[in-house]
Amino acid sequence: MTIQMDGDLYTITYFQHVKPGKGGAFVRTKLKNVLSGAVIEKTFRSGERVQDVRLERRPVQYSYTDGQLYYFMDQETFEMIPLAEDVIGKDQLLYLKENMQCEGLVHGDKVISVELPQFVELEISETDPGLRGDTAQGGTKPAKLETGAVVQVPLFIEEGDVIRVDRREDKYIERANK
């Protein structure tokens, strides 16, 4: 659920209803700012009102960057949407590549944030060769992806392979078909 508070949009990430023996009930929450990603804790007394906000999800496609702004094309209106690096988040930028399909969060008629898919397919640009017979413990090695991100992969993965990565955990999932 997304609410508007003090002019900013927040998503409720955690809540706990507390009814103490004395006094009125209250709700303890953790709120994540939709634009900045900052997390705050806030307690609401019973009967306190908040403004509910509806956010739509709309398909967008990453096009290019000019060094400061990242441009996404709205798949419904075909408008170019410029977004700053801090709005997208550095953890997502590690996995962003041209023509990637993403989801835009829309408030009103404006895309305010972009979310990459959880699983992305990227090509290995650099990795050490795996040594034969060195797999008794199911070993791993670091591999640099085409976007610059580094993940641990099994020893049989080579340069040029396309792999599926869980970007939220920076974790190798499987080898993908080219």
C-alpha atoms as a PDB file:
ATOM      1  CA  MET A   1       0.000   0.000   0.000  1.00  0.00           C
ATOM      2  CA  THR A   2       1.235   3.484  -0.831  1.00  0.00           C
ATOM      3  CA  ILE A   3       0.356   6.579   1.185  1.00  0.00           C
ATOM      4  CA  GLN A   4       1.074  10.298   0.899  1.00  0.00           C
ATOM      5  CA  MET A   5       2.571  11.950   3.961  1.00  0.00           C
ATOM      6  CA  ASP A   6       4.275  15.357   4.258  1.00  0.00           C
ATOM      7  CA  GLY A   7       4.147  15.763   0.471  1.00  0.00           C
ATOM      8  CA  ASP A   8       6.100  12.531  -0.208  1.00  0.00           C
ATOM      9  CA  LEU A   9       4.948   9.077  -1.313  1.00  0.00           C
ATOM     10  CA  TYR A  10       5.717   6.137   0.992  1.00  0.00           C
ATOM     11  CA  THR A  11       5.175   2.404   0.612  1.00  0.00           C
ATOM     12  CA  ILE A  12       4.338   0.487   3.778  1.00  0.00           C
ATOM     13  CA  THR A  13       6.923  -2.290   4.085  1.00  0.00           C
ATOM     14  CA  TYR A  14       6.046  -3.471   7.613  1.00  0.00           C
ATOM     15  CA  PHE A  15       3.283  -2.827  10.144  1.00  0.00           C
ATOM     16  CA  GLN A  16       2.323  -4.122  13.559  1.00  0.00           C
ATOM     17  CA  HIS A  17      -0.952  -3.393  15.369  1.00  0.00           C
ATOM     18  CA  VAL A  18      -0.294  -2.930  19.111  1.00  0.00           C
ATOM     19  CA  LYS A  19      -2.977  -2.827  21.790  1.00  0.00           C
ATOM     20  CA  PRO A  20      -1.352  -2.175  25.145  1.00  0.00           C
ATOM     21  CA  GLY A  21      -3.130  -2.856  28.446  1.00  0.00           C
ATOM     22  CA  LYS A  22      -3.395   0.870  29.159  1.00  0.00           C
ATOM     23  CA  GLY A  23      -4.174   3.556  26.608  1.00  0.00           C
ATOM     24  CA  GLY A  24      -5.320   3.377  23.037  1.00  0.00           C
ATOM     25  CA  ALA A  25      -4.189   1.041  20.287  1.00  0.00           C
ATOM     26  CA  PHE A  26      -1.593   2.157  17.735  1.00  0.00           C
ATOM     27  CA  VAL A  27       0.124   0.874  14.601  1.00  0.00           C
ATOM     28  CA  ARG A  28       3.917   0.762  14.343  1.00  0.00           C
ATOM     29  CA  THR A  29       5.117   0.970  10.696  1.00  0.00           C
ATOM     30  CA  LYS A  30       8.186   1.047   8.495  1.00  0.00           C
ATOM     31  CA  LEU A  31       7.733   3.281   5.460  1.00  0.00           C
ATOM     32  CA  LYS A  32       9.933   3.385   2.353  1.00  0.00           C
ATOM     33  CA  ASN A  33      10.086   6.617   0.360  1.00  0.00           C
ATOM     34  CA  VAL A  34       9.111   5.755  -3.229  1.00  0.00           C
ATOM     35  CA  LEU A  35      11.512   8.269  -4.811  1.00  0.00           C
ATOM     36  CA  SER A  36      14.570   8.236  -2.553  1.00  0.00           C
ATOM     37  CA  GLY A  37      14.319   4.718  -1.103  1.00  0.00           C
ATOM     38  CA  ALA A  38      14.902   6.029   2.439  1.00  0.00           C
ATOM     39  CA  VAL A  39      13.219   3.976   5.176  1.00  0.00           C
ATOM     40  CA  ILE A  40      11.620   5.643   8.202  1.00  0.00           C
ATOM     41  CA  GLU A  41       9.698   4.323  11.192  1.00  0.00           C
ATOM     42  CA  LYS A  42       6.425   5.993  12.173  1.00  0.00           C
ATOM     43  CA  THR A  43       3.758   5.232  14.746  1.00  0.00           C
ATOM     44  CA  PHE A  44       0.114   6.020  13.973  1.00  0.00           C
ATOM     45  CA  ARG A  45      -2.476   6.372  16.758  1.00  0.00           C
ATOM     46  CA  SER A  46      -5.824   4.657  16.299  1.00  0.00           C
ATOM     47  CA  GLY A  47      -8.235   6.817  14.367  1.00  0.00           C
ATOM     48  CA  GLU A  48      -5.451   8.780  12.635  1.00  0.00           C
ATOM     49  CA  ARG A  49      -6.138   9.228   8.912  1.00  0.00           C
ATOM     50  CA  VAL A  50      -3.671   8.841   6.033  1.00  0.00           C
ATOM     51  CA  GLN A  51      -4.138   9.630   2.360  1.00  0.00           C
ATOM     52  CA  ASP A  52      -4.152   6.491   0.212  1.00  0.00           C
ATOM     53  CA  VAL A  53      -2.412   6.817  -3.179  1.00  0.00           C
ATOM     54  CA  ARG A  54      -2.935   4.561  -6.176  1.00  0.00           C
ATOM     55  CA  LEU A  55       0.170   3.825  -8.226  1.00  0.00           C
ATOM     56  CA  GLU A  56      -0.150   2.201 -11.622  1.00  0.00           C
ATOM     57  CA  ARG A  57       2.465  -0.013 -13.207  1.00  0.00           C
ATOM     58  CA  ARG A  58       3.232   0.634 -16.854  1.00  0.00           C
ATOM     59  CA  PRO A  59       5.742  -1.102 -19.168  1.00  0.00           C
ATOM     60  CA  VAL A  60       8.777   1.033 -20.066  1.00  0.00           C
ATOM     61  CA  GLN A  61      11.911   0.240 -22.065  1.00  0.00           C
ATOM     62  CA  TYR A  62      15.399   1.543 -21.265  1.00  0.00           C
ATOM     63  CA  SER A  63      16.843   3.418 -24.257  1.00  0.00           C
ATOM     64  CA  TYR A  64      20.072   5.246 -23.385  1.00  0.00           C
ATOM     65  CA  THR A  65      21.932   7.506 -20.965  1.00  0.00           C
ATOM     66  CA  ASP A  66      23.532  10.876 -21.615  1.00  0.00           C
ATOM     67  CA  GLY A  67      25.846  10.511 -18.618  1.00  0.00           C
ATOM     68  CA  GLN A  68      23.555  12.216 -16.111  1.00  0.00           C
ATOM     69  CA  LEU A  69      20.017  11.106 -16.968  1.00  0.00           C
ATOM     70  CA  TYR A  70      18.677   7.701 -17.977  1.00  0.00           C
ATOM     71  CA  TYR A  71      16.005   7.713 -20.679  1.00  0.00           C
ATOM     72  CA  PHE A  72      13.129   5.233 -20.744  1.00  0.00           C
ATOM     73  CA  MET A  73      10.415   4.977 -23.397  1.00  0.00           C
ATOM     74  CA  ASP A  74       6.840   4.566 -22.184  1.00  0.00           C
ATOM     75  CA  GLN A  75       5.458   1.578 -24.131  1.00  0.00           C
ATOM     76  CA  GLU A  76       1.908   2.993 -24.125  1.00  0.00           C
ATOM     77  CA  THR A  77       2.474   6.652 -25.039  1.00  0.00           C
ATOM     78  CA  PHE A  78       5.948   6.333 -26.655  1.00  0.00           C
ATOM     79  CA  GLU A  79       7.184   9.354 -24.667  1.00  0.00           C
ATOM     80  CA  MET A  80      10.789   9.543 -23.466  1.00  0.00           C
ATOM     81  CA  ILE A  81      11.043   9.683 -19.668  1.00  0.00           C
ATOM     82  CA  PRO A  82      14.293  11.075 -18.208  1.00  0.00           C
ATOM     83  CA  LEU A  83      15.157   9.788 -14.725  1.00  0.00           C
ATOM     84  CA  ALA A  84      18.127  10.631 -12.500  1.00  0.00           C
ATOM     85  CA  GLU A  85      20.509   7.983 -11.153  1.00  0.00           C
ATOM     86  CA  ASP A  86      19.347   8.397  -7.540  1.00  0.00           C
ATOM     87  CA  VAL A  87      15.689   7.797  -8.517  1.00  0.00           C
ATOM     88  CA  ILE A  88      16.547   4.471 -10.195  1.00  0.00           C
ATOM     89  CA  GLY A  89      19.001   3.320  -7.531  1.00  0.00           C
ATOM     90  CA  LYS A  90      22.639   2.262  -7.873  1.00  0.00           C
ATOM     91  CA  ASP A  91      21.821  -1.387  -7.138  1.00  0.00           C
ATOM     92  CA  GLN A  92      19.493  -1.503 -10.163  1.00  0.00           C
ATOM     93  CA  LEU A  93      21.878   0.389 -12.459  1.00  0.00           C
ATOM     94  CA  LEU A  94      24.398  -2.472 -12.164  1.00  0.00           C
ATOM     95  CA  TYR A  95      22.027  -4.660 -14.187  1.00  0.00           C
ATOM     96  CA  LEU A  96      20.513  -2.118 -16.582  1.00  0.00           C
ATOM     97  CA  LYS A  97      21.247  -2.635 -20.295  1.00  0.00           C
ATOM     98  CA  GLU A  98      19.878  -1.112 -23.492  1.00  0.00           C
ATOM     99  CA  ASN A  99      16.414  -2.212 -24.653  1.00  0.00           C
ATOM    100  CA  MET A 100      15.640  -3.845 -21.296  1.00  0.00           C
ATOM    101  CA  GLN A 101      11.921  -4.098 -20.481  1.00  0.00           C
ATOM    102  CA  CYS A 102      11.142  -2.588 -17.061  1.00  0.00           C
ATOM    103  CA  GLU A 103       8.126  -1.485 -15.051  1.00  0.00           C
ATOM    104  CA  GLY A 104       7.418   2.174 -14.430  1.00  0.00           C
ATOM    105  CA  LEU A 105       5.524   3.324 -11.348  1.00  0.00           C
ATOM    106  CA  VAL A 106       3.011   5.968 -12.428  1.00  0.00           C
ATOM    107  CA  HIS A 107       1.515   8.603 -10.102  1.00  0.00           C
ATOM    108  CA  GLY A 108      -1.062  10.721 -11.897  1.00  0.00           C
ATOM    109  CA  ASP A 109       0.250  10.777 -15.470  1.00  0.00           C
ATOM    110  CA  LYS A 110       3.936  10.906 -14.541  1.00  0.00           C
ATOM    111  CA  VAL A 111       6.366   7.988 -14.260  1.00  0.00           C
ATOM    112  CA  ILE A 112       8.121   8.586 -10.940  1.00  0.00           C
ATOM    113  CA  SER A 113      10.218   5.446 -10.589  1.00  0.00           C
ATOM    114  CA  VAL A 114      11.423   2.395 -12.525  1.00  0.00           C
ATOM    115  CA  GLU A 115      11.739  -1.194 -11.380  1.00  0.00           C
ATOM    116  CA  LEU A 116      13.896  -3.722 -13.250  1.00  0.00           C
ATOM    117  CA  PRO A 117      12.781  -7.356 -13.562  1.00  0.00           C
ATOM    118  CA  GLN A 118      13.935  -9.587 -10.702  1.00  0.00           C
ATOM    119  CA  PHE A 119      15.718 -11.987 -13.078  1.00  0.00           C
ATOM    120  CA  VAL A 120      17.908 -10.565 -15.857  1.00  0.00           C
ATOM    121  CA  GLU A 121      19.872 -12.321 -18.600  1.00  0.00           C
ATOM    122  CA  LEU A 122      23.352 -10.909 -19.168  1.00  0.00           C
ATOM    123  CA  GLU A 123      26.493 -11.996 -20.994  1.00  0.00           C
ATOM    124  CA  ILE A 124      29.755 -12.772 -19.191  1.00  0.00           C
ATOM    125  CA  SER A 125      32.431 -10.310 -20.353  1.00  0.00           C
ATOM    126  CA  GLU A 126      35.318 -11.443 -18.119  1.00  0.00           C
ATOM    127  CA  THR A 127      36.024 -14.499 -16.003  1.00  0.00           C
ATOM    128  CA  ASP A 128      38.931 -16.774 -15.186  1.00  0.00           C
ATOM    129  CA  PRO A 129      38.997 -20.175 -16.864  1.00  0.00           C
ATOM    130  CA  GLY A 130      37.730 -22.994 -14.640  1.00  0.00           C
ATOM    131  CA  LEU A 131      40.242 -25.664 -13.665  1.00  0.00           C
ATOM    132  CA  ARG A 132      39.318 -29.259 -14.465  1.00  0.00           C
ATOM    133  CA  GLY A 133      38.881 -31.457 -11.391  1.00  0.00           C
ATOM    134  CA  ASP A 134      38.522 -28.449  -9.099  1.00  0.00           C
ATOM    135  CA  THR A 135      34.812 -29.027  -8.464  1.00  0.00           C
ATOM    136  CA  ALA A 136      34.824 -31.306  -5.423  1.00  0.00           C
ATOM    137  CA  GLN A 137      33.218 -28.606  -3.291  1.00  0.00           C
ATOM    138  CA  GLY A 138      31.088 -27.090  -6.075  1.00  0.00           C
ATOM    139  CA  GLY A 139      33.444 -24.116  -6.316  1.00  0.00           C
ATOM    140  CA  THR A 140      32.658 -20.704  -7.694  1.00  0.00           C
ATOM    141  CA  LYS A 141      34.594 -17.888  -9.306  1.00  0.00           C
ATOM    142  CA  PRO A 142      33.883 -14.191  -9.871  1.00  0.00           C
ATOM    143  CA  ALA A 143      32.552 -13.175 -13.279  1.00  0.00           C
ATOM    144  CA  LYS A 144      32.131  -9.656 -14.658  1.00  0.00           C
ATOM    145  CA  LEU A 145      28.914  -9.127 -16.607  1.00  0.00           C
ATOM    146  CA  GLU A 146      28.415  -6.915 -19.673  1.00  0.00           C
ATOM    147  CA  THR A 147      26.926  -4.179 -17.467  1.00  0.00           C
ATOM    148  CA  GLY A 148      29.882  -4.144 -15.054  1.00  0.00           C
ATOM    149  CA  ALA A 149      28.262  -6.096 -12.209  1.00  0.00           C
ATOM    150  CA  VAL A 150      30.268  -8.941 -10.645  1.00  0.00           C
ATOM    151  CA  VAL A 151      28.616 -12.185  -9.483  1.00  0.00           C
ATOM    152  CA  GLN A 152      29.908 -15.560  -8.321  1.00  0.00           C
ATOM    153  CA  VAL A 153      29.362 -18.287 -10.930  1.00  0.00           C
ATOM    154  CA  PRO A 154      30.165 -22.036 -11.117  1.00  0.00           C
ATOM    155  CA  LEU A 155      33.544 -23.024 -12.546  1.00  0.00           C
ATOM    156  CA  PHE A 156      32.083 -24.359 -15.841  1.00  0.00           C
ATOM    157  CA  ILE A 157      30.827 -20.894 -16.922  1.00  0.00           C
ATOM    158  CA  GLU A 158      33.032 -19.238 -19.553  1.00  0.00           C
ATOM    159  CA  GLU A 159      33.356 -15.834 -21.207  1.00  0.00           C
ATOM    160  CA  GLY A 160      30.581 -15.219 -23.733  1.00  0.00           C
ATOM    161  CA  ASP A 161      28.026 -17.365 -21.883  1.00  0.00           C
ATOM    162  CA  VAL A 162      24.657 -15.777 -21.147  1.00  0.00           C
ATOM    163  CA  ILE A 163      23.453 -16.353 -17.591  1.00  0.00           C
ATOM    164  CA  ARG A 164      20.301 -15.579 -15.639  1.00  0.00           C
ATOM    165  CA  VAL A 165      20.945 -13.541 -12.476  1.00  0.00           C
ATOM    166  CA  ASP A 166      18.708 -12.700  -9.514  1.00  0.00           C
ATOM    167  CA  ARG A 167      19.553  -8.995  -9.309  1.00  0.00           C
ATOM    168  CA  ARG A 168      18.062  -8.544  -5.837  1.00  0.00           C
ATOM    169  CA  GLU A 169      20.521 -11.020  -4.336  1.00  0.00           C
ATOM    170  CA  ASP A 170      23.378 -10.587  -6.872  1.00  0.00           C
ATOM    171  CA  LYS A 171      23.191 -14.352  -7.383  1.00  0.00           C
ATOM    172  CA  TYR A 172      23.731 -16.674 -10.366  1.00  0.00           C
ATOM    173  CA  ILE A 173      20.604 -18.733 -11.125  1.00  0.00           C
ATOM    174  CA  GLU A 174      21.311 -20.703 -14.303  1.00  0.00           C
ATOM    175  CA  ARG A 175      22.852 -20.618 -17.756  1.00  0.00           C
ATOM    176  CA  ALA A 176      20.427 -19.089 -20.268  1.00  0.00           C
ATOM    177  CA  ASN A 177      19.935 -20.024 -23.912  1.00  0.00           C
ATOM    178  CA  LYS A 178      21.655 -17.660 -26.335  1.00  0.00           C
END
